[in-house]
Protein backbone atom coordinates (compact mmCIF):
# COMPACT_ATOMS: atom_id res chain seq x y z
CA MET A 1 4.37 -64.19 107.56
CA VAL A 2 4.83 -62.42 104.19
CA ALA A 3 2.26 -61.85 101.45
CA THR A 4 4.55 -60.43 98.75
CA LEU A 5 8.30 -60.65 98.12
CA GLU A 6 10.70 -58.65 95.99
CA HIS A 7 14.33 -59.68 95.55
CA HIS A 8 16.80 -57.30 93.95
CA ALA A 9 20.39 -58.01 93.00
CA SER A 10 21.07 -54.29 93.51
CA LEU A 11 18.92 -51.51 94.91
CA GLY A 12 19.48 -48.01 96.17
CA SER A 13 17.68 -48.64 99.47
CA THR A 14 15.20 -51.31 100.51
CA ASN A 15 13.48 -48.76 102.78
CA ASP A 16 13.06 -46.33 99.90
CA ARG A 17 11.54 -49.05 97.75
CA ALA A 18 9.19 -50.05 100.58
CA LYS A 19 8.09 -46.43 100.98
CA VAL A 20 7.16 -46.28 97.30
CA LEU A 21 5.09 -49.45 97.67
CA ALA A 22 3.43 -48.05 100.80
CA ARG A 23 1.74 -45.38 98.72
CA GLU A 24 0.49 -47.71 96.01
CA PRO A 25 -3.23 -48.51 96.28
CA GLY A 26 -4.18 -52.14 96.68
CA VAL A 27 -0.71 -53.39 97.64
CA THR A 28 -0.87 -56.73 99.47
CA LEU A 29 0.85 -56.70 102.86
CA PRO A 30 3.06 -57.62 104.61
CA GLY A 31 5.56 -57.05 101.84
CA LEU A 32 9.25 -57.98 102.01
CA ILE A 33 11.96 -56.30 99.95
CA VAL A 34 15.41 -57.93 99.95
CA ALA A 35 18.57 -56.64 98.23
CA ASP A 36 21.90 -58.37 97.72
CA ARG A 37 23.50 -54.95 97.45
CA GLN A 38 22.43 -51.44 98.44
CA SER A 39 24.07 -48.45 96.80
CA ALA A 40 22.37 -45.93 99.10
CA GLY A 41 21.55 -47.81 102.30
CA ARG A 42 20.39 -45.39 104.99
CA GLY A 43 20.73 -45.10 108.71
CA ARG A 44 19.16 -42.38 110.84
CA GLY A 45 19.50 -38.77 109.76
CA SER A 46 22.34 -38.39 107.26
CA ASN A 47 24.04 -41.65 108.24
CA ARG A 48 24.71 -44.26 105.57
CA TRP A 49 24.69 -48.00 106.08
CA TRP A 50 27.55 -50.05 104.69
CA THR A 51 26.22 -53.02 102.72
CA GLY A 52 29.28 -55.08 101.93
CA PRO A 53 29.21 -58.18 99.72
CA GLY A 54 27.39 -60.88 101.68
CA SER A 55 25.43 -58.49 103.91
CA LEU A 56 21.74 -59.10 104.49
CA ALA A 57 19.59 -56.03 103.77
CA PHE A 58 15.81 -56.09 103.80
CA SER A 59 12.73 -54.07 104.65
CA LEU A 60 9.35 -55.28 105.83
CA LEU A 61 6.34 -53.16 104.87
CA CYS A 62 3.48 -53.66 107.32
CA ASP A 63 -0.14 -52.60 107.65
CA THR A 64 -0.48 -51.46 111.26
CA GLU A 65 -4.25 -51.03 111.27
CA SER A 66 -4.86 -54.64 112.24
CA TRP A 67 -2.30 -54.55 115.08
CA GLU A 68 -4.52 -52.51 117.41
CA ILE A 69 -1.42 -51.09 119.06
CA PRO A 70 -1.79 -47.82 121.01
CA ARG A 71 -0.01 -44.96 119.24
CA GLU A 72 2.34 -44.35 122.16
CA ARG A 73 3.72 -47.90 121.88
CA MET A 74 4.40 -47.80 118.15
CA GLY A 75 7.90 -46.46 118.77
CA MET A 76 8.82 -49.74 120.46
CA THR A 77 8.81 -51.50 117.07
CA ALA A 78 12.52 -50.70 116.70
CA LEU A 79 13.22 -52.59 119.94
CA VAL A 80 11.08 -55.50 118.73
CA ALA A 81 13.11 -55.63 115.52
CA GLY A 82 16.37 -55.57 117.48
CA ILE A 83 15.25 -58.31 119.86
CA ALA A 84 14.35 -60.43 116.83
CA VAL A 85 17.83 -59.92 115.36
CA VAL A 86 19.51 -60.94 118.62
CA GLU A 87 17.37 -64.06 118.99
CA THR A 88 18.00 -65.03 115.36
CA LEU A 89 21.79 -64.78 115.65
CA SER A 90 22.26 -65.94 119.23
CA SER A 91 22.96 -69.57 118.30
CA ALA A 92 25.55 -68.69 115.66
CA LEU A 93 27.23 -66.21 118.03
CA LYS A 94 27.12 -68.32 121.16
CA GLY A 95 29.87 -67.21 123.51
CA HIS A 96 29.88 -63.65 122.17
CA ARG A 97 28.38 -60.67 124.01
CA LEU A 98 25.43 -59.97 121.73
CA GLY A 99 22.82 -57.38 122.63
CA LEU A 100 21.11 -54.05 122.02
CA CYS A 101 22.34 -50.49 122.03
CA TRP A 102 19.32 -48.27 122.48
CA PRO A 103 17.41 -47.32 120.46
CA ASN A 104 17.99 -49.17 117.21
CA ASP A 105 21.28 -51.07 116.96
CA VAL A 106 22.52 -54.59 117.62
CA TYR A 107 26.09 -54.87 118.86
CA VAL A 108 28.64 -57.55 119.63
CA GLY A 109 30.59 -56.05 122.50
CA ASP A 110 31.53 -52.55 121.32
CA ARG A 111 31.09 -53.27 117.62
CA LYS A 112 27.96 -52.73 115.55
CA LEU A 113 26.54 -55.85 113.92
CA ALA A 114 23.14 -54.68 112.68
CA GLY A 115 21.21 -51.46 112.24
CA ILE A 116 17.48 -50.82 112.22
CA LEU A 117 15.54 -47.99 110.62
CA VAL A 118 11.79 -47.76 111.21
CA GLU A 119 9.76 -45.28 109.17
CA ALA A 120 6.07 -44.49 108.70
CA PRO A 121 5.65 -43.21 105.13
CA ALA A 122 1.83 -43.21 105.10
CA ALA A 123 -1.12 -43.72 107.40
CA ASN A 124 -1.25 -47.30 108.77
CA ARG A 125 1.98 -48.17 106.98
CA LEU A 126 5.22 -49.05 108.74
CA VAL A 127 8.58 -49.86 107.15
CA VAL A 128 11.04 -51.86 109.23
CA GLY A 129 14.47 -51.77 107.60
CA ILE A 130 17.22 -54.14 108.75
CA GLY A 131 20.86 -54.35 107.77
CA ILE A 132 22.89 -57.25 109.19
CA ASN A 133 26.60 -57.84 108.66
CA THR A 134 26.31 -61.55 108.01
CA ASN A 135 28.74 -62.82 105.36
CA CYS A 136 30.56 -59.58 104.56
CA ARG A 137 34.12 -59.20 105.82
CA LEU A 138 35.85 -56.38 107.66
CA ALA A 139 38.71 -56.53 105.18
CA GLU A 140 36.28 -55.10 102.63
CA ALA A 141 34.80 -52.44 104.92
CA PRO A 142 35.61 -48.74 104.54
CA GLU A 143 38.62 -47.81 106.66
CA GLU A 144 36.59 -45.52 108.94
CA LEU A 145 34.27 -48.42 109.83
CA ALA A 146 36.72 -51.29 110.21
CA GLN A 147 37.29 -50.64 113.93
CA ARG A 148 33.62 -50.05 114.73
CA VAL A 149 31.68 -52.87 113.10
CA ALA A 150 31.55 -56.66 113.33
CA THR A 151 30.42 -59.39 110.95
CA VAL A 152 29.07 -62.84 111.74
CA VAL A 153 31.41 -64.63 109.36
CA ASP A 154 34.49 -62.91 110.79
CA LEU A 155 33.44 -63.78 114.34
CA THR A 156 32.55 -67.41 113.66
CA GLY A 157 34.46 -68.39 110.53
CA GLU A 158 31.19 -69.84 109.21
CA VAL A 159 29.11 -68.60 106.29
CA GLN A 160 25.46 -68.07 107.18
CA ASP A 161 22.52 -69.10 105.01
CA PRO A 162 20.82 -65.73 104.35
CA THR A 163 17.44 -67.38 103.79
CA GLU A 164 17.60 -69.10 107.17
CA VAL A 165 18.61 -65.85 108.88
CA LEU A 166 15.76 -64.00 107.20
CA LEU A 167 13.18 -66.66 108.07
CA GLY A 168 14.46 -66.75 111.64
CA TRP A 169 14.06 -62.99 111.95
CA LEU A 170 10.55 -63.05 110.49
CA SER A 171 9.51 -65.75 112.96
CA ALA A 172 10.96 -63.90 115.96
CA TRP A 173 9.48 -60.60 114.77
CA SER A 174 6.01 -62.12 114.39
CA SER A 175 6.19 -63.56 117.89
CA TRP A 176 7.26 -60.31 119.57
CA ILE A 177 5.17 -57.83 117.59
CA GLY A 178 2.09 -59.80 118.58
CA ARG A 179 2.79 -58.92 122.21
CA LEU A 180 3.01 -55.18 121.66
CA ALA A 181 -0.74 -54.59 121.91
CA THR A 182 -1.29 -56.33 125.25
CA CYS A 183 2.09 -57.32 126.73
CA SER A 184 4.38 -54.40 125.91
CA ASP A 185 6.08 -54.65 129.32
CA GLU A 186 7.60 -57.97 128.21
CA ILE A 187 9.27 -56.19 125.30
CA GLY A 188 10.74 -53.51 127.55
CA GLN A 189 11.94 -56.12 130.02
CA ARG A 190 13.55 -58.22 127.27
CA ALA A 191 15.23 -55.16 125.76
CA ASP A 192 16.52 -54.19 129.20
CA ALA A 193 18.00 -57.66 129.71
CA LEU A 194 19.81 -57.30 126.35
CA CYS A 195 20.97 -53.71 126.87
CA LEU A 196 24.74 -53.42 126.42
CA GLN A 197 24.78 -49.81 127.62
CA GLN A 198 23.84 -50.76 131.19
CA ASP A 199 26.03 -48.97 133.79
CA ARG A 200 27.96 -47.08 131.11
CA VAL A 201 28.04 -43.30 130.89
CA LEU A 202 26.09 -42.03 127.90
CA ARG A 203 25.66 -38.65 126.30
CA LEU A 204 22.22 -37.96 124.89
CA ARG A 205 21.43 -34.92 122.78
CA GLN A 206 17.91 -33.62 122.23
CA GLY A 207 17.98 -30.58 119.98
CA ARG A 208 20.20 -28.05 121.73
CA GLU A 209 20.11 -29.88 125.06
CA MET A 210 22.79 -32.37 126.09
CA TRP A 211 22.32 -34.85 128.90
CA GLU A 212 24.95 -37.12 130.41
CA GLY A 213 24.53 -39.91 132.90
CA LYS A 214 24.94 -43.53 133.80
CA CYS A 215 22.63 -45.79 131.86
CA LEU A 216 20.19 -47.60 134.13
CA GLY A 217 18.81 -49.68 131.29
CA ILE A 218 15.61 -49.64 129.29
CA GLY A 219 12.22 -49.12 130.90
CA CYS A 220 9.05 -51.12 130.30
CA ASP A 221 7.88 -48.35 128.00
CA GLY A 222 11.01 -48.59 125.86
CA ALA A 223 12.69 -45.42 127.14
CA VAL A 224 16.36 -45.34 128.04
CA ARG A 225 16.90 -44.34 131.68
CA LEU A 226 19.86 -42.18 132.67
CA GLU A 227 21.06 -41.25 136.12
CA THR A 228 21.94 -37.60 135.50
CA ALA A 229 23.12 -34.80 137.79
CA GLN A 230 19.48 -33.67 137.87
CA GLY A 231 18.20 -37.12 138.85
CA VAL A 232 16.95 -40.17 136.98
CA ARG A 233 15.35 -39.27 133.65
CA SER A 234 13.68 -41.30 130.91
CA PHE A 235 14.31 -40.44 127.27
CA TYR A 236 12.30 -41.52 124.24
CA SER A 237 14.40 -39.84 121.58
CA GLY A 238 17.80 -38.32 121.06
CA THR A 239 21.29 -38.76 119.70
CA VAL A 240 23.09 -41.30 121.88
CA GLU A 241 26.79 -41.99 122.26
CA PHE A 242 29.13 -43.43 124.85
CA ALA A 243 30.90 -40.67 126.75
CA GLY A 244 34.23 -40.07 125.10
CA SER A 245 33.17 -41.56 121.75
CA SER A 246 31.06 -40.64 118.76
CA GLY A 247 27.85 -42.42 117.81
CA GLU A 248 24.91 -42.38 115.47
CA ALA A 249 21.73 -40.40 115.78
CA GLY A 250 18.77 -42.38 116.97
CA SER A 251 15.31 -42.12 118.43
CA LEU A 252 12.84 -44.52 119.91
CA GLY A 253 10.08 -43.46 117.59
CA VAL A 254 8.72 -43.95 114.14
CA ARG A 255 9.98 -41.50 111.54
CA GLY A 256 7.33 -40.27 109.15
CA VAL A 257 3.70 -39.28 109.19
CA LYS A 258 1.85 -38.39 112.35
């Protein structure tokens, strides 16, 4: 599943390190970068990712040339990564409402459990960054986040083995990414079944345009579907939030080179 591995006690950002490796000639892939602590973990746009003590932060650097995935489906990799997180943690969080918030977050109910950042720093190179609140505790979270995030250990009272979580994610990722070339509908259908935004009113911003409507779920092509005043529309990118609340910027797409 992984050809090379780097483990860092502390690192600015696993995605930034993966992007450096992506430009090095002759690098053996897939490459995995894991950090016990991130001092500059990144979300989308200007958002920062809290990496508390005990969090699991890693990035997988992939060579996409061998995937033979049509360009228009590459944006669904964020959904694949999210599905893999849900399937990895579903046993530990049995009885909790675990699912996806389009396009790139994993939630437990209304609280964020994991974030995903997919970037394309060079041709045929994809970085899949994951941050999971595994063994960190809300008591140590910044005050502005304490009411918005969740951690596995706080929900279950049990400390997770980070190696087992990481191996579980890699296995689930490998299984789902292999379907993207020929069975992408399965990914959209699975993401739709896990969508926690279903039937809720969302606001979606695209540049200067703002759309609002009831979420009808996620389509087979990975787009979020909203029932707006102008009819049902599918969106592939945008800043998404629940009506009446604030959220993070996101897009179903790969940030980076084109």
